[in-house]
Protein backbone atom coordinates (compact mmCIF):
# COMPACT_ATOMS: atom_id res chain seq x y z
CA UNK A 1 17.14 14.86 -0.63
CA UNK A 2 14.00 16.04 1.39
CA UNK A 3 10.53 14.64 -0.28
CA UNK A 4 7.38 16.00 0.06
CA UNK A 5 5.53 13.26 1.38
CA UNK A 6 1.75 14.56 2.42
CA UNK A 7 1.03 14.15 6.01
CA UNK A 8 -2.05 11.83 6.52
CA UNK A 9 -5.01 14.12 6.03
CA UNK A 10 -6.97 13.47 8.84
CA UNK A 11 -5.10 13.40 12.07
CA UNK A 12 -8.03 11.98 13.87
CA UNK A 13 -6.81 11.20 17.96
CA UNK A 14 -7.61 7.72 19.52
CA UNK A 15 -11.27 8.93 20.22
CA UNK A 16 -12.25 10.78 16.77
CA UNK A 17 -10.59 7.65 15.03
CA UNK A 18 -13.15 5.02 17.86
CA UNK A 19 -16.52 7.31 16.98
CA UNK A 20 -15.28 6.99 12.85
CA UNK A 21 -14.82 3.03 13.43
CA UNK A 22 -18.63 3.13 15.13
CA UNK A 23 -19.69 4.81 12.16
CA UNK A 24 -17.90 3.26 9.93
CA UNK A 25 -19.48 -0.74 11.81
CA UNK A 26 -23.15 1.65 11.65
CA UNK A 27 -22.71 1.79 7.91
CA UNK A 28 -21.99 -2.27 7.30
CA UNK A 29 -24.74 -3.05 8.50
CA UNK A 30 -27.35 -1.18 6.65
CA UNK A 31 -24.87 -1.77 3.52
CA UNK A 32 -25.07 -4.51 3.53
CA UNK A 33 -29.08 -5.43 5.21
CA UNK A 34 -29.85 -2.25 2.10
CA UNK A 35 -28.11 -4.23 -0.48
CA UNK A 36 -28.37 -7.79 0.59
CA UNK A 37 -24.41 -8.79 0.40
CA UNK A 38 -21.83 -8.24 2.30
CA UNK A 39 -19.35 -10.37 4.27
CA UNK A 40 -20.67 -9.12 7.33
CA UNK A 41 -18.61 -10.24 10.14
CA UNK A 42 -14.78 -9.91 7.99
CA UNK A 43 -15.99 -6.30 7.84
CA UNK A 44 -16.30 -5.51 11.10
CA UNK A 45 -13.77 -7.17 12.42
CA UNK A 46 -11.36 -5.15 9.69
CA UNK A 47 -12.93 -1.97 10.74
CA UNK A 48 -10.55 -0.87 13.85
CA UNK A 49 -7.81 -1.38 11.92
CA UNK A 50 -8.98 0.66 8.51
CA UNK A 51 -10.44 3.29 10.98
CA UNK A 52 -6.83 3.79 12.22
CA UNK A 53 -4.82 3.13 9.01
CA UNK A 54 -6.53 5.60 7.11
CA UNK A 55 -7.72 8.60 9.37
CA UNK A 56 -3.57 8.47 11.38
CA UNK A 57 -1.54 6.21 9.79
CA UNK A 58 -1.91 6.70 6.41
CA UNK A 59 -0.02 9.46 4.13
CA UNK A 60 -1.91 10.32 1.04
CA UNK A 61 -3.17 13.19 -0.56
CA UNK A 62 -6.83 13.68 -1.33
CA UNK A 63 -6.61 13.19 -4.28
CA UNK A 64 -4.75 10.18 -4.85
CA UNK A 65 -2.43 11.10 -6.69
CA UNK A 66 1.01 12.50 -4.53
CA UNK A 67 3.89 10.35 -6.26
CA UNK A 68 5.17 9.15 -2.75
CA UNK A 69 2.06 8.86 -0.96
CA UNK A 70 1.92 5.53 0.81
CA UNK A 71 -0.59 3.13 -0.28
CA UNK A 72 -2.88 0.40 0.69
CA UNK A 73 -3.46 -2.70 -0.80
CA UNK A 74 -6.78 -5.27 0.52
CA UNK A 75 -5.39 -8.63 0.48
CA UNK A 76 -8.85 -9.53 1.85
CA UNK A 77 -10.80 -9.03 -1.26
CA UNK A 78 -13.93 -10.22 0.38
CA UNK A 79 -13.92 -7.29 3.11
CA UNK A 80 -14.72 -5.11 0.41
CA UNK A 81 -18.17 -4.52 2.31
CA UNK A 82 -15.44 -2.30 5.42
CA UNK A 83 -13.35 -1.00 2.55
CA UNK A 84 -15.99 1.06 1.05
CA UNK A 85 -17.55 1.95 4.74
CA UNK A 86 -13.82 3.34 5.29
CA UNK A 87 -13.85 4.83 2.31
CA UNK A 88 -16.63 6.52 2.05
CA UNK A 89 -16.03 8.15 5.51
CA UNK A 90 -12.74 9.42 4.08
CA UNK A 91 -14.43 11.02 1.48
CA UNK A 92 -13.14 9.27 -0.44
CA UNK A 93 -16.39 7.52 -2.15
CA UNK A 94 -20.01 9.27 -2.41
CA UNK A 95 -21.60 8.16 0.38
CA UNK A 96 -24.10 7.95 -1.86
CA UNK A 97 -22.73 4.81 -3.50
CA UNK A 98 -23.04 2.07 -1.15
CA UNK A 99 -26.46 1.69 -1.92
CA UNK A 100 -24.49 0.55 -4.73
CA UNK A 101 -22.94 -1.97 -3.88
CA UNK A 102 -22.75 -5.58 -5.37
CA UNK A 103 -25.24 -4.45 -8.46
CA UNK A 104 -24.87 -5.18 -11.39
CA UNK A 105 -22.04 -2.64 -13.57
CA UNK A 106 -21.43 -0.04 -9.40
CA UNK A 107 -18.38 0.94 -8.79
CA UNK A 108 -19.03 -1.48 -5.40
CA UNK A 109 -18.61 -4.99 -6.68
CA UNK A 110 -17.98 -7.53 -3.83
CA UNK A 111 -14.29 -6.92 -4.35
CA UNK A 112 -12.07 -4.12 -4.84
CA UNK A 113 -11.80 -3.21 -8.38
CA UNK A 114 -9.56 -0.50 -9.17
CA UNK A 115 -11.12 0.01 -12.20
CA UNK A 116 -13.86 1.08 -10.94
CA UNK A 117 -12.70 3.12 -7.98
CA UNK A 118 -9.28 5.56 -8.04
CA UNK A 119 -8.56 4.93 -4.08
CA UNK A 120 -7.49 0.93 -4.87
CA UNK A 121 -4.08 0.68 -5.80
CA UNK A 122 -4.61 -2.64 -7.50
CA UNK A 123 -7.69 -5.57 -8.06
CA UNK A 124 -8.40 -8.43 -5.27
CA UNK A 125 -10.43 -10.99 -4.19
CA UNK A 126 -8.49 -14.69 -4.53
CA UNK A 127 -6.57 -14.78 -1.82
CA UNK A 128 -2.58 -14.86 -1.52
CA UNK A 129 -2.81 -12.90 -3.92
CA UNK A 130 -1.91 -9.54 -2.04
CA UNK A 131 0.35 -9.45 -0.49
CA UNK A 132 2.98 -10.59 -3.65
CA UNK A 133 2.48 -7.75 -5.25
CA UNK A 134 2.64 -4.91 -2.07
CA UNK A 135 6.25 -6.82 -1.96
CA UNK A 136 6.90 -5.40 -4.99
CA UNK A 137 5.24 -2.24 -5.03
CA UNK A 138 7.76 -1.96 -1.57
CA UNK A 139 10.48 -3.65 -3.60
CA UNK A 140 9.83 -0.83 -6.61
CA UNK A 141 9.66 2.36 -4.11
CA UNK A 142 13.43 0.84 -2.49
CA UNK A 143 14.58 0.79 -6.22
CA UNK A 144 13.35 3.85 -7.36
CA UNK A 145 14.63 6.03 -3.73
CA UNK A 146 10.57 6.88 -3.85
CA UNK A 147 9.84 6.72 0.81
CA UNK A 148 5.86 5.80 0.13
CA UNK A 149 5.25 2.82 2.56
CA UNK A 150 2.90 0.02 1.61
CA UNK A 151 0.96 -1.61 3.92
CA UNK A 152 -1.22 -4.98 3.27
CA UNK A 153 -3.40 -6.01 5.03
CA UNK A 154 -4.63 -10.38 5.07
CA UNK A 155 -7.33 -12.76 6.53
CA UNK A 156 -5.54 -15.38 8.72
CA UNK A 157 -7.92 -17.91 7.02
CA UNK A 158 -5.87 -16.23 4.14
CA UNK A 159 -2.23 -17.33 5.33
CA UNK A 160 -3.14 -20.54 4.43
CA UNK A 161 -2.37 -19.59 0.37
CA UNK A 162 1.07 -20.76 -0.40
CA UNK A 163 2.36 -17.67 -1.52
CA UNK A 164 1.68 -15.54 0.76
CA UNK A 165 4.54 -17.11 2.34
CA UNK A 166 6.69 -16.83 -1.03
CA UNK A 167 5.72 -13.63 -0.93
CA UNK A 168 7.35 -12.97 2.83
CA UNK A 169 9.95 -15.17 1.79
CA UNK A 170 11.23 -12.26 -0.48
CA UNK A 171 10.28 -9.21 1.32
CA UNK A 172 13.29 -10.65 3.70
CA UNK A 173 15.10 -11.78 1.04
CA UNK A 174 15.36 -7.54 0.21
CA UNK A 175 15.07 -5.88 2.89
CA UNK A 176 11.54 -3.71 2.31
CA UNK A 177 11.71 -2.02 5.60
CA UNK A 178 8.76 -0.21 4.33
CA UNK A 179 6.08 -3.06 4.33
CA UNK A 180 4.17 -3.50 7.03
CA UNK A 181 1.65 -6.48 6.82
CA UNK A 182 -1.16 -5.98 8.97
CA UNK A 183 -3.17 -10.25 9.63
CA UNK A 184 -6.85 -9.56 11.16
CA UNK A 185 -6.03 -12.42 13.19
CA UNK A 186 -10.26 -12.82 13.47
CA UNK A 187 -9.16 -16.73 13.85
CA UNK A 188 -12.73 -17.67 11.92
CA UNK A 189 -12.70 -18.35 8.16
CA UNK A 190 -15.83 -19.60 6.21
CA UNK A 191 -16.43 -23.02 7.20
CA UNK A 192 -14.63 -22.62 10.82
CA UNK A 193 -11.79 -21.94 13.04
CA UNK A 194 -8.59 -21.59 11.28
CA UNK A 195 -7.15 -23.79 13.76
CA UNK A 196 -9.73 -26.78 12.62
CA UNK A 197 -8.93 -26.47 8.46
CA UNK A 198 -5.57 -25.61 8.65
CA UNK A 199 -3.15 -24.43 12.25
CA UNK A 200 -1.69 -21.61 11.36
CA UNK A 201 0.25 -21.80 14.69
CA UNK A 202 2.82 -20.84 16.24
CA UNK A 203 1.95 -17.51 13.85
CA UNK A 204 4.52 -15.65 15.46
CA UNK A 205 7.08 -17.70 15.05
CA UNK A 206 6.84 -19.21 11.52
CA UNK A 207 7.27 -14.89 10.03
CA UNK A 208 9.93 -14.77 12.80
CA UNK A 209 11.44 -17.91 10.45
CA UNK A 210 11.09 -15.96 7.76
CA UNK A 211 12.74 -13.00 8.59
CA UNK A 212 10.27 -10.33 9.89
CA UNK A 213 9.65 -8.24 12.15
CA UNK A 214 6.86 -8.88 14.64
CA UNK A 215 4.22 -7.01 16.13
CA UNK A 216 1.29 -8.01 18.29
CA UNK A 217 -1.53 -5.95 18.95
CA UNK A 218 -5.50 -6.23 20.14
CA UNK A 219 -6.75 -5.60 16.24
CA UNK A 220 -9.72 -3.61 17.49
CA UNK A 221 -8.40 -1.48 19.97
CA UNK A 222 -7.77 1.84 19.03
CA UNK A 223 -4.95 2.73 20.73
CA UNK A 224 -3.01 -0.55 20.73
CA UNK A 225 -3.08 -0.46 16.94
CA UNK A 226 -1.24 3.35 17.11
CA UNK A 227 1.12 1.95 19.62
CA UNK A 228 2.46 -0.84 17.26
CA UNK A 229 2.60 1.24 14.71
CA UNK A 230 4.06 4.46 16.23
CA UNK A 231 6.65 2.47 16.96
CA UNK A 232 7.26 0.24 14.16
CA UNK A 233 7.67 3.95 12.36
CA UNK A 234 10.29 4.76 14.51
CA UNK A 235 12.66 1.60 14.69
CA UNK A 236 12.32 0.15 10.89
CA UNK A 237 15.79 -1.17 9.47
CA UNK A 238 16.14 -3.43 7.48
CA UNK A 239 13.72 -5.76 7.61
CA UNK A 240 9.62 -6.46 7.25
CA UNK A 241 7.29 -6.28 9.75
CA UNK A 242 3.51 -7.58 10.37
CA UNK A 243 1.10 -6.87 12.72
CA UNK A 244 -0.72 -10.14 14.07
CA UNK A 245 -3.95 -7.96 14.93
CA UNK A 246 -5.95 -10.06 17.47
CA UNK A 247 -9.93 -9.31 16.48
CA UNK A 248 -13.69 -10.41 16.77
CA UNK A 249 -15.36 -11.28 13.64
CA UNK A 250 -18.55 -9.09 14.22
CA UNK A 251 -16.92 -6.82 16.12
CA UNK A 252 -19.44 -4.89 17.89
CA UNK A 253 -22.35 -7.27 17.80
CA UNK A 254 -23.42 -8.55 20.14
CA UNK A 255 -24.80 -11.66 18.49
CA UNK A 256 -22.33 -11.83 15.56
CA UNK A 257 -19.31 -11.85 17.69
CA UNK A 258 -17.18 -15.18 16.80
CA UNK A 259 -20.26 -17.21 15.14
CA UNK A 260 -18.92 -18.21 12.10
CA UNK A 261 -22.39 -17.86 9.83
CA UNK A 262 -21.74 -14.78 9.31
CA UNK A 263 -18.83 -14.77 7.16
CA UNK A 264 -20.98 -14.75 4.76
CA UNK A 265 -24.80 -13.90 6.93
CA UNK A 266 -26.40 -10.47 6.09
CA UNK A 267 -28.56 -9.13 9.15
CA UNK A 268 -32.16 -8.43 8.51
CA UNK A 269 -35.59 -7.03 9.83
CA UNK A 270 -35.02 -7.25 13.93
CA UNK A 271 -31.41 -8.33 13.85
CA UNK A 272 -30.47 -5.23 11.28
CA UNK A 273 -32.45 -3.04 14.58
CA UNK A 274 -30.53 -4.71 17.57
CA UNK A 275 -26.93 -3.98 15.72
CA UNK A 276 -27.48 -0.73 15.02
CA UNK A 277 -28.87 -0.01 18.67
CA UNK A 278 -26.05 -2.03 19.62
CA UNK A 279 -23.32 0.73 17.50
CA UNK A 280 -25.29 3.97 18.64
């Protein structure tokens, strides 16, 4: 049976993706500094991953109602700022909404809310919830013979939640080759390095032990991400996959990079000027 699978509506080249990622990062700085809210470091680390997905990999229609579209879940819900700026770049939400980020009754809350934004597949924020729901969506697609793929983005600190490993066990048990788990592996979380708080290594071996096919990439390099995701699509069969994307928290702004203080810090004054200059 032939399914009318929608193509990616942008199909950007690697150079176009890199330019879009830079615009997204600039909007993150402007939005967070203007509204005084957000998780700046996490927003910046995930930007290349989100742009690669929305402007090259994900197959969806602009109305977001095609039954066979790919679905994306931001399990690390606190990275909503980077997500919203990506949706704005893709014209899936009005750019004007960015100035309302986390304001009372805004559509752009601190964690994504499906009831407020059509482009949000599920509400996330409580860490460890997005991955299990992604497994459910992938299993439902398999059972209903729907070709849409399920992508879910996790934070690495989030993997300290046990519900993720229950989800991994289920994904393997049901052979969910339509599921791609992407880990934003910036090695930092709220207060310190992940390996100081609750070590995750050897992370690749753990996922392999749970029956996953494991890919590794530089998560801040568009070409590296595209190569991994293209290989996955061409070879996926009978097992779920995970992409361990090595990233830098605060990527793109020198004084924020790999600095735990910028997990929840908001740039002000000259910091904003310097950040925007570095992202020109």
